[in-house]
Amino acid sequence: MSRTLERVPNLNILIVDDEANIRRTMAMCLESEGHAVTGVDSGLAAIEATDRRVYDLIFLDLRLENENGLDFIPRLLAAAPSARIVVVTAYASIESAVAAIRSGAFDFLAKPFDPEQIRLIARQVGAFRRLEHEVTELRSDLDRVHPEQDFQTACPAMQRAVEMARQVAAAEATVLLNGESGTGKTVLVRAIHRWSPRAGKPFAVVSCASLNPELLESELFGHIKGAFTGAVRDNPGRIAACEGGTLLLDEVGDLPPPIQPKLLRFLQDREYERVGQSITRHADVRIIAATGADLKQAVANERFREDLYYRLNVIPICLPPLRERREDVSTMADRLLAVLNQANRKHVEGFTADARATLQDYRWPGNIRELRNVVERAVILCRGARIGTEHLPEELVGPRQLVRLGDPVPLSTIEEQHIRRILASALSLQAAAEILDVDPATLWRRRKQYGLE
């Protein structure tokens, strides 16, 4: 058997059969492989089960008592679109097999069956699920390269952070990453997911600062069709989509107060409801939170729940800003140069001594993200063998000539410079938004527009 089928992630499996002995036998066979198994005796009970949990694989008996299993395939696929349905029957025929496949079934299994057939189907579905997750990851990173993912560092504070991340990866505890924007929080969380037993399951990021409270709640917990204006179809939400995996709540300090108790409940009990629906659902998702804000101060200011803070802050990891990692700037710039050379089909050999000294002396308010942007700009502009100071932005090589009020420039130029300065000095996006008196979602879009994201 291939390694692909042997190294299969654990699955959530639903068995729908009106014979208790068959449910029990199949469950024992699958649970011995490490899968989580639920058994029900009817199609209606199966629909109710999919309302409460996300399933990867459903074994569906074709002839249930007073029910036709084929009739439930479309309904089960609507309730659990990512599940593979395998029809099981003692009345196998070519016609019934074709009808099942046409209805959306993944496979067809005739009774009596050998336990190894059940295990093989689970391994095949597990392999498909893992490949789907890998494709999703590759698509999300298709236009992005992360040379900082090797986490080579000479900075003691960063070494401690990476070592702590490696230690907690195998645990299930909630992790809270604290660090300024651009310090690599998302990159480190992705690494924690890759190092963890959940690596074969989904990973997703939800930005708590980029959506209004209503949309953010729907993004997290999902909604049903008609729950609000514009809800034209069911949305399972990121929690359901990350079943068995990891969900990063980025800028969790900006989580709106109405959603905070709902997140607290999920962290405590792994229970939640979709918007517009009263059915309580369960999910096995590891939550990791990241923020650039001072959550203790937010608690003191009554903007963040104290009980939620302690639930999130089980294992805190602090990422130092790049200005406190002077020993890493030069080597990080070299690694970025190698990657960005390849991405831009260039052959720049390195930096001049003056350019390297300039990079070393700059305070990097935008941290690693800003360093990457600076190196990428220099690679594109450089026509010679080495990057010089002439290829670096003005704010690096000398005092930036800021536009003054009354200068004959567009209003948008003044707005951009002001927003850049506030973002560089504020502790978090929420703090910057309060200084500028704008909505955090608006500021988030401006930050992305100006290349600070």
Foldseek 3Di string as FASTA:
>chain_A
DDPLLVPFAAWEEEEEAQDPVVLVVLCVLNVVVVHHYDYDHDLVVLLLVLQAAAGAEYEFEQDGVVDGRLVNLLVNCQSHVNHAYEYEYQPDDPVVQVSSVVSPHPYYYYPPDDSVVSSSVSSVSRSVLLVVQVVVVCVVCVPPDDLCLVVDAPFPLSVVLLVLLLVCLAPLAFEEEEEAAQLCPVSSVLVSQCSYSLVSFHEEEDEQLQDDQVVSLCQAQWAAQPLDPPRNHTDRHPQNRRASGEYEHEQCLSHAPVCQVQVVCCLVPQWHHHRPDDRIHHGDYRYYYYHLDDVVVCVVVVRHPPSSVCRNHPDYRYRYFVLSRLVCQQVLLVSLLVVLCVVVVHQAAEADPQVSVLSSPDNPLLGNLVSSVQSNQQRVPDPDNHGYPVSGDPVSPDPDDQDDPPPPDDPVSNVLVVLVVLSSPDSGLVRSCVVVVHRSSVSVVSCVVVSSD
